[in-house]
Amino acid sequence: MDFVFQDLDMTALINEAVKENSPFATTHKNTLRFEHPDLPLNVSADFNRTKQVMANLISNACKYSDPETEVLIKAEQLDGKVIVYIQNRGPGIPENFKPLMFQAFSQADSSDTRAKGGTGLGLNITKQIVSRHQGEIGFESAPDGITVFWFTYPSNDEDDMNDPIAAPNVKRLPRRGKARVLHIEDDLDFAEVVKSGLSKVADVTHAGNLEEARRCIENGNLDMLIVDWSLPDGDAAVLLDDINDRLPNVTVLGLSSDGNRRRDSRVTVNLEKSRTELSTIAEYVSSRVANAS
């Protein structure tokens, strides 16, 4: 999925999503109500993908609501995050299905639930979109009662970003700008995921082989290298001497299928792709820029 991040007011976006999804709620004999927060909720987000998140969660709430009930949407800013809640009243989520909620092609295995339709991909896609925004998603559900789905995005509010008491766990870049990162990776899809996932903290340049990587290193002006050691034209370890000569202060982060393979004092940390969240990489990048300022 392509992502275009921009500064948005989540309140305005939710308003638009509620208007667009109200006809769907009507067909299920429900109504939508948005409790507006007092202040704008500023985030850096992809407008269309975030509306996709809202549409998936609102439609899901409507499909599994009791007739003639209200689906309530709330939003707030708390501890450096914007949190959005979608609440409905209905039969609730079966206990044995809760661990499978965000897995692809998952649907609760009752005839009534199956009759609601769908591919079983909506919540899985929703979680992926939220993750690409460095956010979290979850839910709480009671049998024959209230079910609440929620998701978070990092707040883009300047006061909150720079207040260590209000947002102790939120990594922010200093005023000098984004980190300059070279990602050496032959998997184009994974490279695009990393570039999108780091877009808030870094300007990422991609090199798919040793030749491209050498040209980028020669040009200099980098804060960090993220390296997959196995490339089509050789082992990226041969670049370490060039890096050391031309970019002696650059941080080298290994990100490969085998996080323990590369042992070298010039490599700050090695991570395994399948076990590393993009938020972890973003924290390393943010910390590097902060220390360099």
Protein backbone atom coordinates (compact mmCIF):
# COMPACT_ATOMS: atom_id res chain seq x y z
CA MET A 1 0.00 0.00 0.00
CA ASP A 2 1.23 3.49 -0.84
CA PHE A 3 1.15 6.02 2.01
CA VAL A 4 1.21 9.82 1.76
CA PHE A 5 1.68 11.40 5.19
CA GLN A 6 0.45 14.93 5.90
CA ASP A 7 -0.53 17.02 8.90
CA LEU A 8 -4.21 16.37 9.66
CA ASP A 9 -6.83 17.18 12.27
CA MET A 10 -8.24 13.80 13.29
CA THR A 11 -11.47 15.48 14.43
CA ALA A 12 -12.21 16.76 10.92
CA LEU A 13 -11.32 13.40 9.39
CA ILE A 14 -13.67 11.53 11.76
CA ASN A 15 -16.46 13.99 10.97
CA GLU A 16 -16.10 13.18 7.29
CA ALA A 17 -15.92 9.44 7.96
CA VAL A 18 -19.13 9.58 10.01
CA LYS A 19 -20.97 11.36 7.19
CA GLU A 20 -19.74 8.87 4.60
CA ASN A 21 -20.65 5.81 6.68
CA SER A 22 -24.03 6.98 8.00
CA PRO A 23 -25.97 5.37 5.09
CA PHE A 24 -24.35 2.01 5.92
CA ALA A 25 -25.41 2.41 9.56
CA THR A 26 -28.96 3.18 8.46
CA THR A 27 -29.18 -0.05 6.45
CA HIS A 28 -28.34 -1.93 9.67
CA LYS A 29 -30.90 0.08 11.69
CA ASN A 30 -28.19 1.92 13.62
CA THR A 31 -27.18 5.55 14.05
CA LEU A 32 -23.70 7.06 14.33
CA ARG A 33 -22.76 9.71 16.89
CA PHE A 34 -19.40 11.44 17.22
CA GLU A 35 -18.57 13.10 20.54
CA HIS A 36 -16.39 15.98 19.39
CA PRO A 37 -13.32 16.83 21.48
CA ASP A 38 -12.86 20.43 22.54
CA LEU A 39 -9.58 20.92 20.67
CA PRO A 40 -8.14 19.78 17.31
CA LEU A 41 -6.34 16.43 17.40
CA ASN A 42 -3.24 16.92 15.27
CA VAL A 43 -1.57 13.91 13.68
CA SER A 44 0.71 13.12 10.76
CA ALA A 45 -1.24 10.55 8.75
CA ASP A 46 -2.34 9.27 5.37
CA PHE A 47 -5.81 10.76 4.87
CA ASN A 48 -7.31 8.01 2.70
CA ARG A 49 -5.80 5.12 4.64
CA THR A 50 -7.04 6.57 7.92
CA LYS A 51 -10.53 6.93 6.47
CA GLN A 52 -10.21 3.26 5.48
CA VAL A 53 -9.48 2.43 9.13
CA MET A 54 -12.55 4.39 10.24
CA ALA A 55 -14.76 2.78 7.58
CA ASN A 56 -13.65 -0.74 8.54
CA LEU A 57 -14.22 -0.18 12.26
CA ILE A 58 -17.52 1.66 11.85
CA SER A 59 -18.95 -0.92 9.42
CA ASN A 60 -17.81 -3.73 11.70
CA ALA A 61 -19.53 -2.07 14.66
CA CYS A 62 -22.75 -1.62 12.69
CA LYS A 63 -22.84 -5.20 11.44
CA TYR A 64 -22.56 -6.58 14.96
CA SER A 65 -24.80 -4.09 16.77
CA ASP A 66 -28.27 -4.74 18.11
CA PRO A 67 -30.96 -3.09 15.94
CA GLU A 68 -32.04 0.44 16.86
CA THR A 69 -28.85 1.13 18.80
CA GLU A 70 -26.18 3.79 18.51
CA VAL A 71 -22.56 3.39 17.41
CA LEU A 72 -20.57 5.95 19.39
CA ILE A 73 -17.25 7.40 18.21
CA LYS A 74 -15.00 9.26 20.62
CA ALA A 75 -11.50 10.73 20.32
CA GLU A 76 -9.04 12.26 22.74
CA GLN A 77 -5.38 13.17 23.17
CA LEU A 78 -3.52 11.49 26.01
CA ASP A 79 0.17 10.91 26.82
CA GLY A 80 1.44 11.93 23.40
CA LYS A 81 -1.15 9.91 21.51
CA VAL A 82 -4.44 10.56 19.74
CA ILE A 83 -6.86 7.76 20.66
CA VAL A 84 -10.03 6.96 18.71
CA TYR A 85 -12.78 4.72 20.13
CA ILE A 86 -15.63 3.03 18.23
CA GLN A 87 -18.24 1.59 20.61
CA ASN A 88 -21.34 -0.50 19.94
CA ARG A 89 -23.83 -2.65 21.84
CA GLY A 90 -24.46 -6.19 20.62
CA PRO A 91 -23.78 -9.90 21.16
CA GLY A 92 -20.08 -9.29 21.77
CA ILE A 93 -17.02 -11.21 20.55
CA PRO A 94 -16.83 -14.96 21.36
CA GLU A 95 -14.08 -15.62 23.88
CA ASN A 96 -12.39 -18.28 21.76
CA PHE A 97 -12.22 -15.91 18.78
CA LYS A 98 -10.56 -12.97 20.55
CA PRO A 99 -6.96 -14.20 19.98
CA LEU A 100 -7.70 -14.49 16.23
CA MET A 101 -9.33 -11.08 15.86
CA PHE A 102 -6.67 -9.42 13.69
CA GLN A 103 -5.50 -12.47 11.75
CA ALA A 104 -6.12 -12.58 8.01
CA PHE A 105 -9.25 -14.41 6.83
CA SER A 106 -10.52 -14.81 10.39
CA GLN A 107 -14.24 -14.79 11.12
CA ALA A 108 -16.09 -16.01 14.18
CA ASP A 109 -17.36 -19.47 13.31
CA SER A 110 -21.08 -19.14 13.92
CA SER A 111 -23.76 -19.21 11.24
CA ASP A 112 -25.08 -15.85 12.40
CA THR A 113 -21.64 -14.24 12.18
CA ARG A 114 -20.85 -15.82 8.82
CA ALA A 115 -24.11 -14.44 7.49
CA LYS A 116 -22.76 -10.91 8.04
CA GLY A 117 -20.50 -11.39 5.01
CA GLY A 118 -17.01 -10.09 4.36
CA THR A 119 -13.65 -11.67 3.57
CA GLY A 120 -12.20 -11.73 7.06
CA LEU A 121 -9.48 -9.29 5.92
CA GLY A 122 -10.88 -5.96 7.13
CA LEU A 123 -9.44 -5.96 10.65
CA ASN A 124 -6.13 -7.43 9.49
CA ILE A 125 -5.73 -4.61 6.95
CA THR A 126 -6.83 -2.08 9.57
CA LYS A 127 -4.11 -3.26 11.95
CA GLN A 128 -1.48 -3.01 9.21
CA ILE A 129 -2.48 0.56 8.41
CA VAL A 130 -2.40 1.57 12.08
CA SER A 131 1.00 -0.08 12.50
CA ARG A 132 2.37 1.84 9.52
CA HIS A 133 1.39 5.01 11.40
CA GLN A 134 3.41 3.75 14.41
CA GLY A 135 0.14 3.27 16.29
CA GLU A 136 -1.60 0.51 18.18
CA ILE A 137 -5.03 -1.12 17.93
CA GLY A 138 -7.07 -3.22 20.35
CA PHE A 139 -10.53 -3.96 21.69
CA GLU A 140 -12.60 -4.87 24.73
CA SER A 141 -15.84 -6.81 24.55
CA ALA A 142 -18.46 -8.10 26.98
CA PRO A 143 -21.03 -10.80 26.07
CA ASP A 144 -24.39 -9.21 25.21
CA GLY A 145 -23.04 -5.79 26.05
CA ILE A 146 -20.56 -3.14 25.04
CA THR A 147 -17.73 -3.74 22.54
CA VAL A 148 -15.11 -1.04 22.03
CA PHE A 149 -12.42 -1.01 19.35
CA TRP A 150 -9.69 1.61 19.74
CA PHE A 151 -6.60 2.71 17.87
CA THR A 152 -3.86 5.27 18.46
CA TYR A 153 -1.68 7.54 16.34
CA PRO A 154 1.25 9.56 17.70
CA SER A 155 0.18 13.11 18.45
CA ASN A 156 1.56 15.83 16.21
CA ASP A 157 0.79 18.59 18.69
CA GLU A 158 3.89 20.73 19.25
CA ASP A 159 3.27 21.31 22.97
CA ASP A 160 2.71 17.61 23.59
CA MET A 161 5.70 16.61 21.48
CA ASN A 162 8.10 18.72 23.50
CA ASP A 163 6.69 18.10 26.98
CA PRO A 164 8.61 15.20 28.59
CA ILE A 165 5.99 14.92 31.33
CA ALA A 166 3.02 14.72 28.96
CA ALA A 167 4.74 12.34 26.55
CA PRO A 168 7.60 10.48 28.28
CA ASN A 169 7.70 7.58 25.80
CA VAL A 170 7.33 9.48 22.52
CA LYS A 171 10.53 9.81 20.50
CA ARG A 172 10.70 13.12 18.64
CA LEU A 173 13.26 14.61 16.25
CA PRO A 174 15.05 17.81 17.20
CA ARG A 175 14.40 20.96 15.23
CA ARG A 176 17.31 20.41 12.83
CA GLY A 177 15.20 18.05 10.72
CA LYS A 178 14.82 14.42 9.83
CA ALA A 179 17.57 11.81 9.92
CA ARG A 180 19.30 11.02 6.63
CA VAL A 181 19.18 7.26 6.25
CA LEU A 182 20.52 4.92 3.57
CA HIS A 183 18.68 1.59 3.49
CA ILE A 184 20.67 -1.12 1.68
CA GLU A 185 18.11 -3.79 0.81
CA ASP A 186 17.40 -5.90 -2.29
CA ASP A 187 13.76 -6.64 -1.40
CA LEU A 188 11.91 -3.69 -2.95
CA ASP A 189 8.65 -4.37 -1.11
CA PHE A 190 10.38 -4.48 2.27
CA ALA A 191 12.37 -1.35 1.40
CA GLU A 192 9.12 0.49 0.67
CA VAL A 193 7.63 -0.67 3.98
CA VAL A 194 10.67 0.66 5.88
CA LYS A 195 10.65 3.96 3.97
CA SER A 196 6.96 4.54 4.71
CA GLY A 197 7.27 3.40 8.32
CA LEU A 198 10.16 5.81 9.00
CA SER A 199 8.73 8.74 7.07
CA LYS A 200 8.01 10.74 10.22
CA VAL A 201 11.57 10.51 11.52
CA ALA A 202 13.80 10.05 8.47
CA ASP A 203 14.42 10.80 4.82
CA VAL A 204 15.27 7.34 3.52
CA THR A 205 17.31 6.65 0.38
CA HIS A 206 17.26 3.10 -0.99
CA ALA A 207 20.11 1.11 -2.55
CA GLY A 208 19.37 -2.36 -3.91
CA ASN A 209 22.93 -3.60 -4.49
CA LEU A 210 26.59 -2.92 -3.66
CA GLU A 211 27.16 -0.59 -6.61
CA GLU A 212 24.23 1.66 -5.72
CA ALA A 213 25.24 1.61 -2.05
CA ARG A 214 28.82 2.69 -2.83
CA ARG A 215 27.57 5.66 -4.86
CA CYS A 216 25.36 6.78 -1.97
CA ILE A 217 28.18 6.37 0.54
CA GLU A 218 30.55 8.39 -1.67
CA ASN A 219 28.02 11.22 -1.73
CA GLY A 220 28.08 11.22 2.09
CA ASN A 221 25.68 13.40 4.11
CA LEU A 222 24.18 10.47 6.04
CA ASP A 223 23.28 9.90 9.69
CA MET A 224 22.57 6.17 9.56
CA LEU A 225 22.80 3.08 7.38
CA ILE A 226 20.30 0.25 7.66
CA VAL A 227 21.87 -2.82 6.05
CA ASP A 228 20.65 -6.18 4.85
CA TRP A 229 23.96 -8.04 4.60
CA SER A 230 23.00 -10.47 1.83
CA LEU A 231 22.76 -8.69 -1.54
CA PRO A 232 22.51 -10.02 -5.12
CA ASP A 233 26.06 -8.92 -5.96
CA GLY A 234 27.78 -9.86 -2.71
CA ASP A 235 28.03 -9.46 1.04
CA ALA A 236 27.38 -5.92 2.27
CA ALA A 237 30.13 -6.36 4.86
CA VAL A 238 32.61 -5.28 2.15
CA LEU A 239 31.10 -1.79 2.50
CA LEU A 240 32.19 -1.39 6.11
CA ASP A 241 35.69 -0.15 5.20
CA ASP A 242 34.22 2.44 2.80
CA ILE A 243 31.77 3.50 5.48
CA ASN A 244 34.51 3.81 8.09
CA ASP A 245 36.71 5.93 5.77
CA ARG A 246 34.06 8.25 4.33
CA LEU A 247 31.47 8.33 7.12
CA PRO A 248 33.35 7.70 10.38
CA ASN A 249 30.50 9.00 12.57
CA VAL A 250 27.62 7.25 10.85
CA THR A 251 25.58 4.62 12.72
CA VAL A 252 25.28 1.20 11.07
CA LEU A 253 22.20 -0.84 11.91
CA GLY A 254 22.00 -4.40 10.60
CA LEU A 255 18.49 -5.51 9.62
CA SER A 256 18.54 -8.94 8.02
CA SER A 257 16.88 -12.34 8.03
CA ASP A 258 19.48 -13.48 10.58
CA GLY A 259 19.99 -10.76 13.15
CA ASN A 260 22.99 -12.47 14.76
CA ARG A 261 25.03 -13.15 11.64
CA ARG A 262 27.12 -9.97 11.38
CA ARG A 263 29.63 -9.46 14.20
CA ASP A 264 31.65 -6.26 13.76
CA SER A 265 32.54 -3.42 16.11
CA ARG A 266 31.50 -0.92 13.44
CA VAL A 267 27.94 -2.25 13.53
CA THR A 268 25.96 -0.67 16.37
CA VAL A 269 23.18 -3.22 16.52
CA ASN A 270 21.88 -6.20 14.55
CA LEU A 271 18.16 -6.87 14.30
CA GLU A 272 16.16 -9.67 12.75
CA LYS A 273 13.52 -8.57 10.23
CA SER A 274 10.82 -10.99 11.32
CA ARG A 275 11.14 -10.03 14.99
CA THR A 276 11.53 -6.26 14.75
CA GLU A 277 8.73 -3.70 14.78
CA LEU A 278 9.18 -0.57 12.68
CA SER A 279 8.61 1.47 15.83
CA THR A 280 11.81 -0.06 17.26
CA ILE A 281 13.79 1.02 14.21
CA ALA A 282 12.23 4.49 14.41
CA GLU A 283 13.39 4.80 18.01
CA TYR A 284 16.97 3.97 17.01
CA VAL A 285 16.82 6.57 14.24
CA SER A 286 15.35 9.24 16.51
CA SER A 287 17.91 8.55 19.24
CA ARG A 288 20.77 8.78 16.74
CA VAL A 289 19.66 12.20 15.49
CA ALA A 290 19.05 13.49 19.01
CA ASN A 291 22.55 12.43 20.12
CA ALA A 292 24.12 14.08 17.08
CA SER A 293 22.45 17.45 17.68
